[in-house]
Amino acid sequence: MHVLNQFYEWPKTRSEYNIFFKEVLRLPDFWSELNKKLIYGLVTAGGDTALKLAAWQHIYGGTWSP
Protein backbone atom coordinates (compact mmCIF):
# COMPACT_ATOMS: atom_id res chain seq x y z
CA MET A 1 0.00 0.00 0.00
CA HIS A 2 2.90 2.30 0.72
CA VAL A 3 4.23 1.91 -2.83
CA LEU A 4 0.77 2.51 -4.28
CA ASN A 5 0.44 5.76 -2.31
CA GLN A 6 3.69 7.04 -3.86
CA PHE A 7 2.37 6.69 -7.42
CA TYR A 8 -1.40 6.91 -7.11
CA GLU A 9 -3.52 9.88 -6.10
CA TRP A 10 -6.72 8.77 -4.40
CA PRO A 11 -10.03 10.49 -5.29
CA LYS A 12 -10.73 13.60 -3.25
CA THR A 13 -14.19 14.77 -4.27
CA ARG A 14 -17.54 13.04 -4.63
CA SER A 15 -17.43 13.28 -8.42
CA GLU A 16 -13.96 11.71 -8.47
CA TYR A 17 -15.23 8.87 -6.27
CA ASN A 18 -18.21 8.39 -8.59
CA ILE A 19 -15.90 8.11 -11.59
CA PHE A 20 -13.57 5.78 -9.68
CA PHE A 21 -16.31 3.36 -8.64
CA LYS A 22 -18.00 3.48 -12.03
CA GLU A 23 -14.75 2.42 -13.67
CA VAL A 24 -13.96 -0.20 -11.02
CA LEU A 25 -17.37 -1.82 -11.44
CA ARG A 26 -16.82 -1.95 -15.22
CA LEU A 27 -13.57 -3.94 -14.92
CA PRO A 28 -13.73 -7.30 -16.69
CA ASP A 29 -14.53 -10.19 -14.33
CA PHE A 30 -15.02 -7.82 -11.37
CA TRP A 31 -18.25 -9.43 -10.18
CA SER A 32 -17.04 -13.02 -10.60
CA GLU A 33 -13.80 -12.24 -8.77
CA LEU A 34 -15.70 -10.45 -6.01
CA ASN A 35 -17.99 -13.48 -5.71
CA LYS A 36 -14.98 -15.81 -5.37
CA LYS A 37 -13.42 -13.62 -2.69
CA LEU A 38 -16.67 -13.38 -0.72
CA ILE A 39 -17.20 -17.15 -0.82
CA TYR A 40 -13.60 -17.76 0.23
CA GLY A 41 -14.00 -15.32 3.12
CA LEU A 42 -17.25 -16.94 4.27
CA VAL A 43 -15.78 -20.45 4.10
CA THR A 44 -12.67 -19.33 5.97
CA ALA A 45 -14.70 -17.55 8.66
CA GLY A 46 -17.00 -20.57 9.00
CA GLY A 47 -14.06 -22.95 9.37
CA ASP A 48 -12.40 -20.69 11.92
CA THR A 49 -15.60 -20.44 13.93
CA ALA A 50 -16.12 -24.22 13.74
CA LEU A 51 -12.60 -24.87 15.05
CA LYS A 52 -13.05 -22.42 17.91
CA LEU A 53 -16.43 -23.89 18.86
CA ALA A 54 -14.99 -27.42 18.69
CA ALA A 55 -12.10 -26.42 20.96
CA TRP A 56 -14.53 -24.72 23.37
CA GLN A 57 -16.75 -27.80 23.42
CA HIS A 58 -13.75 -30.07 23.99
CA ILE A 59 -12.49 -28.00 26.92
CA TYR A 60 -15.75 -27.01 28.59
CA GLY A 61 -18.21 -29.58 27.16
CA GLY A 62 -17.97 -32.05 30.04
CA THR A 63 -18.32 -29.52 32.84
CA TRP A 64 -21.52 -28.47 34.49
CA SER A 65 -22.18 -25.81 37.08
CA PRO A 66 -25.45 -25.03 38.85
PDB file of N, CA and C in Angstrom:
ATOM      1  N   MET A   1       0.830  -1.193   0.000  1.00  0.00           N
ATOM      2  CA  MET A   1       0.000   0.000   0.000  1.00  0.00           C
ATOM      3  C   MET A   1       0.869   1.249   0.000  1.00  0.00           C
ATOM      4  N   HIS A   2       2.007   1.163   0.657  1.00  0.00           N
ATOM      5  CA  HIS A   2       2.903   2.304   0.716  1.00  0.00           C
ATOM      6  C   HIS A   2       3.411   2.669  -0.681  1.00  0.00           C
ATOM      7  N   VAL A   3       3.754   1.658  -1.473  1.00  0.00           N
ATOM      8  CA  VAL A   3       4.235   1.909  -2.830  1.00  0.00           C
ATOM      9  C   VAL A   3       3.121   2.510  -3.677  1.00  0.00           C
ATOM     10  N   LEU A   4       1.893   1.987  -3.518  1.00  0.00           N
ATOM     11  CA  LEU A   4       0.769   2.512  -4.280  1.00  0.00           C
ATOM     12  C   LEU A   4       0.524   3.985  -3.958  1.00  0.00           C
ATOM     13  N   ASN A   5       0.659   4.363  -2.700  1.00  0.00           N
ATOM     14  CA  ASN A   5       0.442   5.760  -2.312  1.00  0.00           C
ATOM     15  C   ASN A   5       1.493   6.699  -2.886  1.00  0.00           C
ATOM     16  N   GLN A   6       2.660   6.191  -3.247  1.00  0.00           N
ATOM     17  CA  GLN A   6       3.692   7.037  -3.855  1.00  0.00           C
ATOM     18  C   GLN A   6       3.346   7.393  -5.302  1.00  0.00           C
ATOM     19  N   PHE A   7       2.615   6.502  -5.993  1.00  0.00           N
ATOM     20  CA  PHE A   7       2.372   6.693  -7.419  1.00  0.00           C
ATOM     21  C   PHE A   7       0.911   6.952  -7.760  1.00  0.00           C
ATOM     22  N   TYR A   8       0.016   6.794  -6.814  1.00  0.00           N
ATOM     23  CA  TYR A   8      -1.404   6.909  -7.113  1.00  0.00           C
ATOM     24  C   TYR A   8      -2.031   7.980  -6.235  1.00  0.00           C
ATOM     25  N   GLU A   9      -2.812   8.852  -6.854  1.00  0.00           N
ATOM     26  CA  GLU A   9      -3.524   9.884  -6.104  1.00  0.00           C
ATOM     27  C   GLU A   9      -4.971   9.441  -5.927  1.00  0.00           C
ATOM     28  N   TRP A  10      -5.371   9.246  -4.696  1.00  0.00           N
ATOM     29  CA  TRP A  10      -6.722   8.771  -4.396  1.00  0.00           C
ATOM     30  C   TRP A  10      -7.746   9.859  -4.698  1.00  0.00           C
ATOM     31  N   PRO A  11      -8.986   9.489  -5.021  1.00  0.00           N
ATOM     32  CA  PRO A  11     -10.025  10.493  -5.291  1.00  0.00           C
ATOM     33  C   PRO A  11     -10.269  11.380  -4.073  1.00  0.00           C
ATOM     34  N   LYS A  12     -10.535  12.654  -4.348  1.00  0.00           N
ATOM     35  CA  LYS A  12     -10.726  13.605  -3.254  1.00  0.00           C
ATOM     36  C   LYS A  12     -12.162  14.128  -3.161  1.00  0.00           C
ATOM     37  N   THR A  13     -12.846  14.220  -4.282  1.00  0.00           N
ATOM     38  CA  THR A  13     -14.191  14.769  -4.272  1.00  0.00           C
ATOM     39  C   THR A  13     -15.210  13.671  -4.582  1.00  0.00           C
ATOM     40  N   ARG A  14     -16.467  14.011  -4.381  1.00  0.00           N
ATOM     41  CA  ARG A  14     -17.536  13.044  -4.635  1.00  0.00           C
ATOM     42  C   ARG A  14     -17.589  12.656  -6.109  1.00  0.00           C
ATOM     43  N   SER A  15     -17.389  13.601  -6.996  1.00  0.00           N
ATOM     44  CA  SER A  15     -17.426  13.277  -8.424  1.00  0.00           C
ATOM     45  C   SER A  15     -16.253  12.378  -8.807  1.00  0.00           C
ATOM     46  N   GLU A  16     -15.094  12.592  -8.209  1.00  0.00           N
ATOM     47  CA  GLU A  16     -13.958  11.710  -8.471  1.00  0.00           C
ATOM     48  C   GLU A  16     -14.232  10.299  -7.961  1.00  0.00           C
ATOM     49  N   TYR A  17     -14.859  10.187  -6.789  1.00  0.00           N
ATOM     50  CA  TYR A  17     -15.231   8.873  -6.270  1.00  0.00           C
ATOM     51  C   TYR A  17     -16.264   8.193  -7.162  1.00  0.00           C
ATOM     52  N   ASN A  18     -17.222   8.958  -7.671  1.00  0.00           N
ATOM     53  CA  ASN A  18     -18.213   8.388  -8.589  1.00  0.00           C
ATOM     54  C   ASN A  18     -17.547   7.831  -9.843  1.00  0.00           C
ATOM     55  N   ILE A  19     -16.622   8.583 -10.412  1.00  0.00           N
ATOM     56  CA  ILE A  19     -15.899   8.113 -11.592  1.00  0.00           C
ATOM     57  C   ILE A  19     -15.086   6.870 -11.245  1.00  0.00           C
ATOM     58  N   PHE A  20     -14.407   6.912 -10.108  1.00  0.00           N
ATOM     59  CA  PHE A  20     -13.572   5.784  -9.681  1.00  0.00           C
ATOM     60  C   PHE A  20     -14.396   4.504  -9.563  1.00  0.00           C
ATOM     61  N   PHE A  21     -15.513   4.565  -8.833  1.00  0.00           N
ATOM     62  CA  PHE A  21     -16.315   3.362  -8.635  1.00  0.00           C
ATOM     63  C   PHE A  21     -17.012   2.910  -9.913  1.00  0.00           C
ATOM     64  N   LYS A  22     -17.397   3.850 -10.759  1.00  0.00           N
ATOM     65  CA  LYS A  22     -18.004   3.478 -12.033  1.00  0.00           C
ATOM     66  C   LYS A  22     -17.010   2.680 -12.877  1.00  0.00           C
ATOM     67  N   GLU A  23     -15.772   3.117 -12.893  1.00  0.00           N
ATOM     68  CA  GLU A  23     -14.748   2.418 -13.671  1.00  0.00           C
ATOM     69  C   GLU A  23     -14.353   1.088 -13.015  1.00  0.00           C
ATOM     70  N   VAL A  24     -14.299   1.044 -11.705  1.00  0.00           N
ATOM     71  CA  VAL A  24     -13.960  -0.201 -11.017  1.00  0.00           C
ATOM     72  C   VAL A  24     -15.032  -1.254 -11.277  1.00  0.00           C
ATOM     73  N   LEU A  25     -16.291  -0.867 -11.220  1.00  0.00           N
ATOM     74  CA  LEU A  25     -17.372  -1.817 -11.442  1.00  0.00           C
ATOM     75  C   LEU A  25     -17.429  -2.289 -12.891  1.00  0.00           C
ATOM     76  N   ARG A  26     -16.826  -1.557 -13.817  1.00  0.00           N
ATOM     77  CA  ARG A  26     -16.816  -1.954 -15.224  1.00  0.00           C
ATOM     78  C   ARG A  26     -15.614  -2.818 -15.579  1.00  0.00           C
ATOM     79  N   LEU A  27     -14.726  -3.093 -14.630  1.00  0.00           N
ATOM     80  CA  LEU A  27     -13.573  -3.943 -14.922  1.00  0.00           C
ATOM     81  C   LEU A  27     -14.039  -5.327 -15.346  1.00  0.00           C
ATOM     82  N   PRO A  28     -13.322  -5.953 -16.283  1.00  0.00           N
ATOM     83  CA  PRO A  28     -13.725  -7.302 -16.688  1.00  0.00           C
ATOM     84  C   PRO A  28     -13.560  -8.279 -15.525  1.00  0.00           C
ATOM     85  N   ASP A  29     -14.527  -9.142 -15.361  1.00  0.00           N
ATOM     86  CA  ASP A  29     -14.528 -10.188 -14.331  1.00  0.00           C
ATOM     87  C   ASP A  29     -14.569  -9.628 -12.901  1.00  0.00           C
ATOM     88  N   PHE A  30     -14.974  -8.375 -12.727  1.00  0.00           N
ATOM     89  CA  PHE A  30     -15.022  -7.818 -11.365  1.00  0.00           C
ATOM     90  C   PHE A  30     -16.006  -8.577 -10.496  1.00  0.00           C
ATOM     91  N   TRP A  31     -17.212  -8.805 -11.002  1.00  0.00           N
ATOM     92  CA  TRP A  31     -18.247  -9.433 -10.180  1.00  0.00           C
ATOM     93  C   TRP A  31     -17.932 -10.890  -9.891  1.00  0.00           C
ATOM     94  N   SER A  32     -17.379 -11.619 -10.857  1.00  0.00           N
ATOM     95  CA  SER A  32     -17.042 -13.019 -10.601  1.00  0.00           C
ATOM     96  C   SER A  32     -15.883 -13.124  -9.608  1.00  0.00           C
ATOM     97  N   GLU A  33     -14.910 -12.227  -9.724  1.00  0.00           N
ATOM     98  CA  GLU A  33     -13.795 -12.238  -8.769  1.00  0.00           C
ATOM     99  C   GLU A  33     -14.267 -11.834  -7.377  1.00  0.00           C
ATOM    100  N   LEU A  34     -15.156 -10.857  -7.300  1.00  0.00           N
ATOM    101  CA  LEU A  34     -15.703 -10.455  -6.008  1.00  0.00           C
ATOM    102  C   LEU A  34     -16.475 -11.605  -5.378  1.00  0.00           C
ATOM    103  N   ASN A  35     -17.234 -12.331  -6.189  1.00  0.00           N
ATOM    104  CA  ASN A  35     -17.994 -13.477  -5.710  1.00  0.00           C
ATOM    105  C   ASN A  35     -17.052 -14.543  -5.145  1.00  0.00           C
ATOM    106  N   LYS A  36     -15.961 -14.826  -5.843  1.00  0.00           N
ATOM    107  CA  LYS A  36     -14.984 -15.813  -5.374  1.00  0.00           C
ATOM    108  C   LYS A  36     -14.371 -15.387  -4.045  1.00  0.00           C
ATOM    109  N   LYS A  37     -14.039 -14.110  -3.923  1.00  0.00           N
ATOM    110  CA  LYS A  37     -13.424 -13.621  -2.693  1.00  0.00           C
ATOM    111  C   LYS A  37     -14.399 -13.656  -1.519  1.00  0.00           C
ATOM    112  N   LEU A  38     -15.663 -13.324  -1.785  1.00  0.00           N
ATOM    113  CA  LEU A  38     -16.671 -13.379  -0.722  1.00  0.00           C
ATOM    114  C   LEU A  38     -16.913 -14.810  -0.254  1.00  0.00           C
ATOM    115  N   ILE A  39     -16.998 -15.744  -1.193  1.00  0.00           N
ATOM    116  CA  ILE A  39     -17.204 -17.147  -0.824  1.00  0.00           C
ATOM    117  C   ILE A  39     -16.005 -17.666  -0.042  1.00  0.00           C
ATOM    118  N   TYR A  40     -14.795 -17.336  -0.491  1.00  0.00           N
ATOM    119  CA  TYR A  40     -13.597 -17.757   0.230  1.00  0.00           C
ATOM    120  C   TYR A  40     -13.599 -17.189   1.656  1.00  0.00           C
ATOM    121  N   GLY A  41     -13.949 -15.932   1.801  1.00  0.00           N
ATOM    122  CA  GLY A  41     -14.002 -15.320   3.125  1.00  0.00           C
ATOM    123  C   GLY A  41     -15.035 -15.976   4.020  1.00  0.00           C
ATOM    124  N   LEU A  42     -16.205 -16.284   3.470  1.00  0.00           N
ATOM    125  CA  LEU A  42     -17.248 -16.938   4.265  1.00  0.00           C
ATOM    126  C   LEU A  42     -16.837 -18.346   4.678  1.00  0.00           C
ATOM    127  N   VAL A  43     -16.229 -19.098   3.769  1.00  0.00           N
ATOM    128  CA  VAL A  43     -15.780 -20.452   4.101  1.00  0.00           C
ATOM    129  C   VAL A  43     -14.677 -20.404   5.154  1.00  0.00           C
ATOM    130  N   THR A  44     -13.749 -19.465   5.005  1.00  0.00           N
ATOM    131  CA  THR A  44     -12.667 -19.326   5.969  1.00  0.00           C
ATOM    132  C   THR A  44     -13.205 -18.936   7.343  1.00  0.00           C
ATOM    133  N   ALA A  45     -14.117 -17.982   7.376  1.00  0.00           N
ATOM    134  CA  ALA A  45     -14.698 -17.552   8.656  1.00  0.00           C
ATOM    135  C   ALA A  45     -15.502 -18.688   9.293  1.00  0.00           C
ATOM    136  N   GLY A  46     -16.246 -19.437   8.471  1.00  0.00           N
ATOM    137  CA  GLY A  46     -17.002 -20.569   8.997  1.00  0.00           C
ATOM    138  C   GLY A  46     -16.100 -21.645   9.565  1.00  0.00           C
ATOM    139  N   GLY A  47     -15.018 -21.953   8.871  1.00  0.00           N
ATOM    140  CA  GLY A  47     -14.060 -22.947   9.367  1.00  0.00           C
ATOM    141  C   GLY A  47     -13.390 -22.493  10.642  1.00  0.00           C
ATOM    142  N   ASP A  48     -13.023 -21.224  10.717  1.00  0.00           N
ATOM    143  CA  ASP A  48     -12.398 -20.687  11.919  1.00  0.00           C
ATOM    144  C   ASP A  48     -13.355 -20.768  13.103  1.00  0.00           C
ATOM    145  N   THR A  49     -14.595 -20.385  12.867  1.00  0.00           N
ATOM    146  CA  THR A  49     -15.603 -20.444  13.928  1.00  0.00           C
ATOM    147  C   THR A  49     -15.850 -21.881  14.363  1.00  0.00           C
ATOM    148  N   ALA A  50     -15.898 -22.809  13.414  1.00  0.00           N
ATOM    149  CA  ALA A  50     -16.117 -24.220  13.743  1.00  0.00           C
ATOM    150  C   ALA A  50     -14.978 -24.758  14.598  1.00  0.00           C
ATOM    151  N   LEU A  51     -13.741 -24.410  14.254  1.00  0.00           N
ATOM    152  CA  LEU A  51     -12.604 -24.874  15.053  1.00  0.00           C
ATOM    153  C   LEU A  51     -12.643 -24.304  16.465  1.00  0.00           C
ATOM    154  N   LYS A  52     -12.984 -23.032  16.586  1.00  0.00           N
ATOM    155  CA  LYS A  52     -13.050 -22.417  17.913  1.00  0.00           C
ATOM    156  C   LYS A  52     -14.167 -23.030  18.753  1.00  0.00           C
ATOM    157  N   LEU A  53     -15.330 -23.269  18.132  1.00  0.00           N
ATOM    158  CA  LEU A  53     -16.425 -23.895  18.865  1.00  0.00           C
ATOM    159  C   LEU A  53     -16.096 -25.327  19.255  1.00  0.00           C
ATOM    160  N   ALA A  54     -15.393 -26.057  18.367  1.00  0.00           N
ATOM    161  CA  ALA A  54     -14.991 -27.422  18.692  1.00  0.00           C
ATOM    162  C   ALA A  54     -14.007 -27.433  19.855  1.00  0.00           C
ATOM    163  N   ALA A  55     -13.061 -26.501  19.855  1.00  0.00           N
ATOM    164  CA  ALA A  55     -12.105 -26.423  20.964  1.00  0.00           C
ATOM    165  C   ALA A  55     -12.828 -26.053  22.259  1.00  0.00           C
ATOM    166  N   TRP A  56     -13.756 -25.108  22.194  1.00  0.00           N
ATOM    167  CA  TRP A  56     -14.530 -24.720  23.370  1.00  0.00           C
ATOM    168  C   TRP A  56     -15.330 -25.906  23.906  1.00  0.00           C
ATOM    169  N   GLN A  57     -15.962 -26.638  23.011  1.00  0.00           N
ATOM    170  CA  GLN A  57     -16.748 -27.802  23.420  1.00  0.00           C
ATOM    171  C   GLN A  57     -15.847 -28.875  24.023  1.00  0.00           C
ATOM    172  N   HIS A  58     -14.674 -29.074  23.464  1.00  0.00           N
ATOM    173  CA  HIS A  58     -13.747 -30.070  23.987  1.00  0.00           C
ATOM    174  C   HIS A  58     -13.273 -29.710  25.389  1.00  0.00           C
ATOM    175  N   ILE A  59     -13.010 -28.431  25.601  1.00  0.00           N
ATOM    176  CA  ILE A  59     -12.492 -28.003  26.918  1.00  0.00           C
ATOM    177  C   ILE A  59     -13.604 -27.920  27.950  1.00  0.00           C
ATOM    178  N   TYR A  60     -14.705 -27.284  27.605  1.00  0.00           N
ATOM    179  CA  TYR A  60     -15.750 -27.011  28.586  1.00  0.00           C
ATOM    180  C   TYR A  60     -16.994 -27.883  28.419  1.00  0.00           C
ATOM    181  N   GLY A  61     -17.010 -28.803  27.458  1.00  0.00           N
ATOM    182  CA  GLY A  61     -18.212 -29.578  27.164  1.00  0.00           C
ATOM    183  C   GLY A  61     -18.613 -30.542  28.274  1.00  0.00           C
ATOM    184  N   GLY A  62     -17.659 -31.075  29.012  1.00  0.00           N
ATOM    185  CA  GLY A  62     -17.968 -32.049  30.035  1.00  0.00           C
ATOM    186  C   GLY A  62     -18.239 -31.447  31.396  1.00  0.00           C
ATOM    187  N   THR A  63     -18.132 -30.157  31.521  1.00  0.00           N
ATOM    188  CA  THR A  63     -18.324 -29.522  32.836  1.00  0.00           C
ATOM    189  C   THR A  63     -19.747 -29.030  32.978  1.00  0.00           C
ATOM    190  N   TRP A  64     -20.199 -28.967  34.201  1.00  0.00           N
ATOM    191  CA  TRP A  64     -21.518 -28.469  34.492  1.00  0.00           C
ATOM    192  C   TRP A  64     -21.466 -27.712  35.794  1.00  0.00           C
ATOM    193  N   SER A  65     -22.131 -26.566  35.834  1.00  0.00           N
ATOM    194  CA  SER A  65     -22.179 -25.808  37.077  1.00  0.00           C
ATOM    195  C   SER A  65     -23.613 -25.371  37.294  1.00  0.00           C
ATOM    196  N   PRO A  66     -24.053 -25.396  38.562  1.00  0.00           N
ATOM    197  CA  PRO A  66     -25.455 -25.035  38.847  1.00  0.00           C
ATOM    198  C   PRO A  66     -25.731 -23.566  38.642  1.00  0.00           C
TER     199      PRO A  66
END
